[in-house]
Protein backbone atom coordinates (compact mmCIF):
# COMPACT_ATOMS: atom_id res chain seq x y z
CA MET A 1 -1.29 -14.75 6.40
CA LYS A 2 -2.02 -13.89 2.78
CA THR A 3 -3.85 -10.46 4.01
CA GLN A 4 -0.49 -8.74 5.57
CA PHE A 5 0.87 -8.47 2.04
CA ALA A 6 0.32 -5.71 -0.77
CA PRO A 7 -1.85 -7.23 -3.40
CA GLU A 8 -0.16 -8.51 -6.82
CA GLU A 9 -1.24 -5.65 -9.18
CA ILE A 10 -0.43 -3.25 -6.28
CA THR A 11 3.50 -4.60 -5.76
CA LEU A 12 3.65 -4.36 -9.43
CA GLU A 13 3.03 -0.77 -9.00
CA LEU A 14 4.90 0.15 -6.19
CA LYS A 15 8.03 -1.54 -8.12
CA ALA A 16 7.12 0.97 -10.95
CA LEU A 17 7.42 3.79 -8.44
CA GLY A 18 10.68 2.90 -6.84
CA PHE A 19 9.97 0.28 -4.38
CA ASP A 20 13.22 -2.24 -3.82
CA GLU A 21 12.68 -3.28 -0.69
CA THR A 22 13.89 -6.64 0.60
CA CYS A 23 10.87 -8.84 1.24
CA PHE A 24 10.50 -12.12 3.29
CA GLY A 25 7.47 -13.27 1.02
CA TYR A 26 7.20 -13.54 -2.95
CA TYR A 27 4.63 -14.31 -5.52
CA ASP A 28 5.04 -17.38 -7.46
CA GLY A 29 3.63 -16.07 -10.74
CA THR A 30 0.29 -18.00 -10.04
CA GLY A 31 -0.90 -15.14 -7.59
CA TYR A 32 0.00 -17.25 -4.26
CA VAL A 33 2.26 -15.59 -1.90
CA MET A 34 5.46 -17.78 -0.93
CA ILE A 35 6.75 -17.22 2.70
CA LYS A 36 10.31 -17.48 2.11
CA GLU A 37 12.96 -16.89 -0.94
CA ILE A 38 13.22 -19.16 -3.68
CA LYS A 39 14.64 -18.79 -6.45
CA HIS A 40 11.04 -19.45 -9.21
CA CYS A 41 9.68 -16.53 -7.52
CA VAL A 42 9.84 -13.20 -9.66
CA ILE A 43 8.20 -10.54 -7.83
CA SER A 44 8.46 -9.68 -4.57
CA ALA A 45 5.27 -9.24 -2.05
CA PRO A 46 5.94 -6.02 0.70
CA THR A 47 3.82 -6.24 3.41
CA PHE A 48 1.28 -3.21 3.59
CA ALA A 49 3.66 -1.78 6.61
CA GLN A 50 6.25 -2.29 4.19
CA ALA A 51 4.35 -0.23 1.36
CA PHE A 52 2.85 2.67 3.37
CA ARG A 53 6.62 3.01 4.68
CA PHE A 54 7.86 3.41 1.30
CA PHE A 55 5.19 6.34 0.46
CA ARG A 56 6.40 8.31 4.18
CA ASP A 57 9.91 7.97 3.56
CA LYS A 58 10.13 8.21 -0.15
CA TYR A 59 7.46 10.60 -1.00
CA GLU A 60 6.73 12.25 2.72
CA LEU A 61 3.24 11.42 2.41
CA TYR A 62 1.02 10.08 6.02
CA TYR A 63 -1.94 7.97 6.31
CA THR A 64 -4.42 7.43 8.81
CA ILE A 65 -7.66 4.84 9.12
CA GLU A 66 -10.28 5.69 10.99
CA GLY A 67 -13.38 4.11 12.23
CA SER A 68 -15.65 1.29 13.27
CA LYS A 69 -17.81 -1.85 12.26
CA LYS A 70 -20.65 -0.26 12.73
CA TYR A 71 -20.01 3.11 10.70
CA GLY A 72 -17.36 2.42 8.41
CA PHE A 73 -13.75 3.14 7.76
CA ALA A 74 -12.04 5.77 6.00
CA PHE A 75 -8.54 6.96 5.28
CA PHE A 76 -6.79 10.19 5.57
CA ILE A 77 -3.94 11.29 3.65
CA TYR A 78 -1.62 14.40 5.04
CA TYR A 79 0.87 15.90 2.48
CA GLU A 80 3.83 16.87 4.36
CA ASN A 81 5.16 19.46 2.52
CA ASP A 82 2.35 20.09 -0.20
CA ASP A 83 -0.28 23.02 0.62
CA LYS A 84 -3.15 20.40 -0.23
CA GLY A 85 -2.85 19.50 3.48
CA GLU A 86 -4.98 16.29 3.93
CA LEU A 87 -7.20 14.34 1.89
CA LYS A 88 -10.43 12.17 3.12
CA SER A 89 -12.06 8.96 1.82
CA LYS A 90 -15.11 8.05 1.08
CA GLU A 91 -16.47 5.44 4.02
CA TYR A 92 -15.35 1.53 3.53
CA SER A 93 -17.15 -1.45 5.03
CA THR A 94 -13.84 -3.00 5.91
CA TYR A 95 -10.62 -2.01 7.17
CA GLU A 96 -9.00 -3.93 4.68
CA GLU A 97 -10.71 -2.42 1.82
CA ALA A 98 -9.65 1.27 3.09
CA GLU A 99 -6.16 0.12 3.50
CA GLN A 100 -5.87 -1.30 0.11
CA GLU A 101 -8.10 2.02 -1.34
CA CYS A 102 -5.39 4.13 0.32
CA LEU A 103 -2.11 2.40 -0.94
CA ILE A 104 -4.07 2.69 -4.60
CA LYS A 105 -4.86 6.58 -3.47
CA LEU A 106 -1.17 6.88 -2.65
CA MET A 107 0.12 5.56 -6.10
CA GLU A 108 -2.16 8.14 -7.59
CA ILE A 109 -0.43 10.94 -5.58
CA THR A 110 2.56 9.84 -6.49
CA LYS A 111 1.99 9.52 -10.30
CA GLU A 112 0.49 12.81 -9.82
CA LYS A 113 4.07 14.55 -8.41
CA LYS A 114 6.09 13.13 -10.71
């Protein structure tokens, strides 16, 4: 189940960019995800879906991840209202690695735009 949540370091950066949605997972301060709200949890843990939706809704940045185990996985980022068009990543060995690196790149793009 932990693989459904954005890593804690990404979560902290998302919060700095304005992410403030309610999450059903929380980091407990020791790196573990709790799957219910309890008062001593201090950092909300968004799912990957919530994190990607945040960039789509707030910053009009869209993505796809394509590939296969045989050839590797790459992400594409599409800029809705920007003349850059799209960005293609290098290839990663797993879908999860491409997904995480895509979020990191979306954060970098967002910081550049600010």
